[in-house]
Amino acid sequence: VKVEVKSWLEDEIAVEEMFGRVLDGRLAAQFVLLNEGDEPVRVLLTWEWRDGDGIALREAASEKKTKYLVLRAGESQRQTFTAPSDLALQFYAAIEPTHKEN
């Protein structure tokens, strides 16, 4: 079981309390995002499920794997995910900046 979260905003968004465990035959992944800055931050969270060999799961290919989040200054948000298949043993996520809409 592997849970990995990469933040491309390391100076602003911290990733804390990463956990992964198998519940009822499926991997559950959980982590906390913390805005360490003085301003609200809008981010794009993307994720992918992989099997034990690191191959992306076909069952997850059609699933929407993006989420936009807004974190106020000092705010933390817990994110929880459950694998789409019992084949998923790895969870990879990325936190990226997004631009404000005009």
N, C-alpha and C. Protein backbone atom coordinates (compact mmCIF):
# COMPACT_ATOMS: atom_id res chain seq x y z
N VAL A 1 0.85 -1.18 0.00
CA VAL A 1 0.00 0.00 0.00
C VAL A 1 0.89 1.23 0.00
N LYS A 2 0.59 2.17 -0.90
CA LYS A 2 1.40 3.39 -1.02
C LYS A 2 0.48 4.58 -1.27
N VAL A 3 0.73 5.67 -0.52
CA VAL A 3 0.02 6.93 -0.72
C VAL A 3 1.07 8.02 -0.87
N GLU A 4 1.01 8.73 -1.98
CA GLU A 4 1.97 9.80 -2.24
C GLU A 4 1.24 11.04 -2.74
N VAL A 5 1.55 12.19 -2.16
CA VAL A 5 0.93 13.45 -2.56
C VAL A 5 2.05 14.46 -2.79
N LYS A 6 2.10 15.04 -3.98
CA LYS A 6 3.12 16.02 -4.33
C LYS A 6 2.47 17.39 -4.44
N SER A 7 3.02 18.36 -3.72
CA SER A 7 2.53 19.73 -3.82
C SER A 7 3.50 20.56 -4.65
N TRP A 8 2.99 21.17 -5.71
CA TRP A 8 3.80 22.08 -6.52
C TRP A 8 3.73 23.49 -5.95
N LEU A 9 3.12 23.63 -4.78
CA LEU A 9 3.00 24.91 -4.08
C LEU A 9 3.59 24.76 -2.68
N GLU A 10 4.76 24.17 -2.58
CA GLU A 10 5.34 23.81 -1.28
C GLU A 10 5.49 25.00 -0.33
N ASP A 11 5.65 26.22 -0.86
CA ASP A 11 5.79 27.39 0.00
C ASP A 11 4.45 27.85 0.56
N GLU A 12 3.35 27.38 -0.03
CA GLU A 12 2.02 27.83 0.39
C GLU A 12 1.17 26.70 0.97
N ILE A 13 1.19 25.54 0.33
CA ILE A 13 0.32 24.43 0.72
C ILE A 13 1.17 23.28 1.27
N ALA A 14 0.94 22.95 2.53
CA ALA A 14 1.61 21.81 3.14
C ALA A 14 0.70 20.60 3.07
N VAL A 15 1.30 19.44 2.90
CA VAL A 15 0.56 18.17 2.91
C VAL A 15 0.95 17.44 4.19
N GLU A 16 -0.05 17.13 4.99
CA GLU A 16 0.19 16.51 6.29
C GLU A 16 -0.68 15.27 6.46
N GLU A 17 -0.34 14.48 7.45
CA GLU A 17 -1.16 13.34 7.88
C GLU A 17 -1.58 12.43 6.73
N MET A 18 -0.61 11.99 5.92
CA MET A 18 -0.91 11.07 4.82
C MET A 18 -1.04 9.66 5.38
N PHE A 19 -2.17 9.02 5.05
CA PHE A 19 -2.41 7.65 5.50
C PHE A 19 -2.98 6.84 4.36
N GLY A 20 -2.72 5.57 4.39
CA GLY A 20 -3.34 4.64 3.45
C GLY A 20 -3.53 3.31 4.15
N ARG A 21 -4.70 2.71 3.95
CA ARG A 21 -4.94 1.37 4.49
C ARG A 21 -6.05 0.72 3.69
N VAL A 22 -6.08 -0.60 3.78
CA VAL A 22 -7.09 -1.35 3.07
C VAL A 22 -8.27 -1.59 4.01
N LEU A 23 -9.45 -1.14 3.57
CA LEU A 23 -10.70 -1.33 4.31
C LEU A 23 -11.68 -2.07 3.42
N ASP A 24 -12.22 -3.16 3.90
CA ASP A 24 -13.17 -3.95 3.12
C ASP A 24 -12.63 -4.29 1.73
N GLY A 25 -11.33 -4.58 1.64
CA GLY A 25 -10.71 -4.99 0.39
C GLY A 25 -10.32 -3.86 -0.54
N ARG A 26 -10.55 -2.61 -0.16
CA ARG A 26 -10.19 -1.48 -1.02
C ARG A 26 -9.29 -0.50 -0.28
N LEU A 27 -8.36 0.09 -1.03
CA LEU A 27 -7.45 1.06 -0.45
C LEU A 27 -8.18 2.36 -0.16
N ALA A 28 -8.01 2.86 1.04
CA ALA A 28 -8.51 4.18 1.42
C ALA A 28 -7.28 5.07 1.62
N ALA A 29 -7.30 6.24 1.02
CA ALA A 29 -6.20 7.21 1.14
C ALA A 29 -6.74 8.49 1.76
N GLN A 30 -5.96 9.08 2.66
CA GLN A 30 -6.40 10.30 3.32
C GLN A 30 -5.19 11.19 3.60
N PHE A 31 -5.39 12.50 3.46
CA PHE A 31 -4.35 13.46 3.77
C PHE A 31 -4.99 14.80 4.08
N VAL A 32 -4.20 15.70 4.67
CA VAL A 32 -4.68 17.04 5.02
C VAL A 32 -3.86 18.06 4.24
N LEU A 33 -4.55 19.03 3.64
CA LEU A 33 -3.90 20.16 2.98
C LEU A 33 -4.02 21.37 3.90
N LEU A 34 -2.92 22.08 4.07
CA LEU A 34 -2.89 23.25 4.95
C LEU A 34 -2.34 24.44 4.20
N ASN A 35 -3.13 25.52 4.14
CA ASN A 35 -2.67 26.78 3.53
C ASN A 35 -1.84 27.51 4.58
N GLU A 36 -0.53 27.56 4.38
CA GLU A 36 0.37 28.21 5.31
C GLU A 36 0.58 29.69 5.00
N GLY A 37 -0.07 30.17 3.95
CA GLY A 37 0.10 31.56 3.54
C GLY A 37 -0.89 32.50 4.21
N ASP A 38 -0.78 33.78 3.85
CA ASP A 38 -1.64 34.83 4.39
C ASP A 38 -2.82 35.17 3.48
N GLU A 39 -2.88 34.52 2.32
CA GLU A 39 -3.93 34.79 1.34
C GLU A 39 -4.64 33.48 0.97
N PRO A 40 -5.90 33.57 0.52
CA PRO A 40 -6.57 32.37 0.01
C PRO A 40 -5.82 31.84 -1.20
N VAL A 41 -5.86 30.52 -1.36
CA VAL A 41 -5.20 29.89 -2.49
C VAL A 41 -6.18 28.94 -3.17
N ARG A 42 -6.27 29.03 -4.49
CA ARG A 42 -7.10 28.11 -5.27
C ARG A 42 -6.14 27.11 -5.92
N VAL A 43 -6.44 25.82 -5.74
CA VAL A 43 -5.56 24.77 -6.25
C VAL A 43 -6.35 23.74 -7.04
N LEU A 44 -5.63 23.02 -7.87
CA LEU A 44 -6.18 21.89 -8.61
C LEU A 44 -5.59 20.62 -8.01
N LEU A 45 -6.45 19.73 -7.56
CA LEU A 45 -6.04 18.44 -7.02
C LEU A 45 -6.33 17.38 -8.07
N THR A 46 -5.32 16.63 -8.48
CA THR A 46 -5.50 15.53 -9.42
C THR A 46 -5.00 14.26 -8.75
N TRP A 47 -5.57 13.10 -9.14
CA TRP A 47 -5.13 11.85 -8.54
C TRP A 47 -5.27 10.69 -9.51
N GLU A 48 -4.57 9.60 -9.14
CA GLU A 48 -4.55 8.40 -9.97
C GLU A 48 -4.39 7.18 -9.07
N TRP A 49 -5.07 6.11 -9.42
CA TRP A 49 -4.96 4.84 -8.73
C TRP A 49 -4.12 3.90 -9.57
N ARG A 50 -3.23 3.13 -8.91
CA ARG A 50 -2.38 2.18 -9.61
C ARG A 50 -2.40 0.83 -8.90
N ASP A 51 -2.06 -0.20 -9.66
CA ASP A 51 -1.98 -1.53 -9.05
C ASP A 51 -0.65 -1.69 -8.32
N GLY A 52 -0.38 -2.87 -7.80
CA GLY A 52 0.83 -3.11 -7.03
C GLY A 52 2.11 -2.94 -7.82
N ASP A 53 2.04 -3.04 -9.15
CA ASP A 53 3.21 -2.85 -10.01
C ASP A 53 3.37 -1.41 -10.48
N GLY A 54 2.44 -0.53 -10.10
CA GLY A 54 2.52 0.87 -10.50
C GLY A 54 1.81 1.19 -11.81
N ILE A 55 1.03 0.26 -12.34
CA ILE A 55 0.30 0.48 -13.59
C ILE A 55 -1.05 1.13 -13.27
N ALA A 56 -1.38 2.21 -14.00
CA ALA A 56 -2.66 2.90 -13.79
C ALA A 56 -3.81 1.94 -14.08
N LEU A 57 -4.82 1.98 -13.23
CA LEU A 57 -5.94 1.08 -13.37
C LEU A 57 -6.91 1.51 -14.45
N ARG A 58 -7.33 0.60 -15.26
CA ARG A 58 -8.28 0.88 -16.34
C ARG A 58 -9.63 1.29 -15.76
N GLU A 59 -10.05 0.65 -14.65
CA GLU A 59 -11.34 0.97 -14.04
C GLU A 59 -11.42 2.44 -13.65
N ALA A 60 -10.27 3.03 -13.34
CA ALA A 60 -10.25 4.42 -12.89
C ALA A 60 -10.10 5.40 -14.05
N ALA A 61 -9.88 4.92 -15.25
CA ALA A 61 -9.59 5.80 -16.38
C ALA A 61 -10.75 6.73 -16.71
N SER A 62 -11.98 6.25 -16.56
CA SER A 62 -13.12 7.09 -16.92
C SER A 62 -13.61 7.95 -15.75
N GLU A 63 -13.09 7.69 -14.57
CA GLU A 63 -13.48 8.45 -13.38
C GLU A 63 -12.93 9.87 -13.44
N LYS A 64 -13.69 10.83 -12.98
CA LYS A 64 -13.21 12.20 -12.92
C LYS A 64 -12.15 12.27 -11.83
N LYS A 65 -10.96 12.64 -12.21
CA LYS A 65 -9.84 12.60 -11.28
C LYS A 65 -9.27 13.99 -10.99
N THR A 66 -10.12 14.99 -10.99
CA THR A 66 -9.69 16.35 -10.67
C THR A 66 -10.70 16.99 -9.73
N LYS A 67 -10.19 17.89 -8.92
CA LYS A 67 -11.04 18.62 -7.99
C LYS A 67 -10.39 19.99 -7.76
N TYR A 68 -11.19 21.06 -7.85
CA TYR A 68 -10.71 22.40 -7.54
C TYR A 68 -11.04 22.71 -6.08
N LEU A 69 -10.08 23.26 -5.37
CA LEU A 69 -10.25 23.60 -3.96
C LEU A 69 -9.82 25.04 -3.72
N VAL A 70 -10.46 25.68 -2.76
CA VAL A 70 -10.04 26.99 -2.28
C VAL A 70 -9.76 26.84 -0.79
N LEU A 71 -8.56 27.22 -0.39
CA LEU A 71 -8.20 27.17 1.03
C LEU A 71 -7.92 28.60 1.49
N ARG A 72 -8.65 29.01 2.51
CA ARG A 72 -8.42 30.34 3.09
C ARG A 72 -7.10 30.33 3.83
N ALA A 73 -6.58 31.50 4.15
CA ALA A 73 -5.32 31.62 4.89
C ALA A 73 -5.43 30.83 6.20
N GLY A 74 -4.49 29.95 6.44
CA GLY A 74 -4.47 29.16 7.67
C GLY A 74 -5.44 27.99 7.70
N GLU A 75 -6.24 27.81 6.66
CA GLU A 75 -7.24 26.74 6.65
C GLU A 75 -6.62 25.40 6.29
N SER A 76 -7.16 24.34 6.89
CA SER A 76 -6.78 22.99 6.52
C SER A 76 -8.02 22.25 6.04
N GLN A 77 -7.82 21.34 5.10
CA GLN A 77 -8.91 20.52 4.57
C GLN A 77 -8.44 19.08 4.48
N ARG A 78 -9.24 18.18 5.03
CA ARG A 78 -8.95 16.75 4.95
C ARG A 78 -9.58 16.19 3.68
N GLN A 79 -8.78 15.44 2.93
CA GLN A 79 -9.24 14.82 1.70
C GLN A 79 -9.21 13.31 1.88
N THR A 80 -10.30 12.63 1.53
CA THR A 80 -10.40 11.18 1.69
C THR A 80 -10.87 10.56 0.38
N PHE A 81 -10.23 9.47 -0.02
CA PHE A 81 -10.54 8.78 -1.27
C PHE A 81 -10.61 7.29 -1.03
N THR A 82 -11.47 6.60 -1.77
CA THR A 82 -11.56 5.15 -1.72
C THR A 82 -11.32 4.61 -3.13
N ALA A 83 -10.48 3.61 -3.24
CA ALA A 83 -10.11 3.05 -4.53
C ALA A 83 -11.33 2.51 -5.28
N PRO A 84 -11.31 2.62 -6.61
CA PRO A 84 -12.42 2.12 -7.41
C PRO A 84 -12.41 0.60 -7.57
N SER A 85 -11.32 -0.05 -7.16
CA SER A 85 -11.16 -1.49 -7.36
C SER A 85 -10.27 -2.05 -6.26
N ASP A 86 -10.43 -3.33 -5.98
CA ASP A 86 -9.56 -3.97 -5.01
C ASP A 86 -8.16 -4.20 -5.57
N LEU A 87 -7.96 -3.94 -6.86
CA LEU A 87 -6.62 -4.04 -7.46
C LEU A 87 -5.74 -2.84 -7.12
N ALA A 88 -6.35 -1.73 -6.74
CA ALA A 88 -5.60 -0.51 -6.45
C ALA A 88 -4.85 -0.65 -5.13
N LEU A 89 -3.54 -0.55 -5.22
CA LEU A 89 -2.69 -0.60 -4.03
C LEU A 89 -1.85 0.65 -3.88
N GLN A 90 -1.94 1.56 -4.86
CA GLN A 90 -1.16 2.79 -4.82
C GLN A 90 -2.06 3.96 -5.19
N PHE A 91 -1.87 5.08 -4.48
CA PHE A 91 -2.62 6.31 -4.73
C PHE A 91 -1.60 7.43 -4.90
N TYR A 92 -1.68 8.14 -6.01
CA TYR A 92 -0.81 9.28 -6.28
C TYR A 92 -1.66 10.51 -6.51
N ALA A 93 -1.31 11.61 -5.86
CA ALA A 93 -2.04 12.87 -6.04
C ALA A 93 -1.05 14.01 -6.23
N ALA A 94 -1.51 15.06 -6.88
CA ALA A 94 -0.70 16.26 -7.10
C ALA A 94 -1.55 17.49 -6.81
N ILE A 95 -0.91 18.48 -6.18
CA ILE A 95 -1.53 19.77 -5.89
C ILE A 95 -0.84 20.79 -6.78
N GLU A 96 -1.61 21.44 -7.65
CA GLU A 96 -1.04 22.39 -8.60
C GLU A 96 -1.75 23.74 -8.48
N PRO A 97 -1.05 24.81 -8.87
CA PRO A 97 -1.72 26.13 -8.85
C PRO A 97 -2.74 26.19 -9.98
N THR A 98 -3.75 27.01 -9.78
CA THR A 98 -4.72 27.28 -10.82
C THR A 98 -4.92 28.79 -10.87
N HIS A 99 -5.37 29.26 -11.99
CA HIS A 99 -5.54 30.71 -12.15
C HIS A 99 -6.97 31.10 -11.82
N LYS A 100 -7.13 32.28 -11.29
CA LYS A 100 -8.46 32.79 -11.00
C LYS A 100 -9.19 33.06 -12.32
N GLU A 101 -10.49 32.78 -12.30
CA GLU A 101 -11.30 33.04 -13.50
C GLU A 101 -11.54 34.53 -13.62
N ASN A 102 -11.57 35.01 -14.86
CA ASN A 102 -11.82 36.44 -15.10
C ASN A 102 -13.29 36.72 -15.12
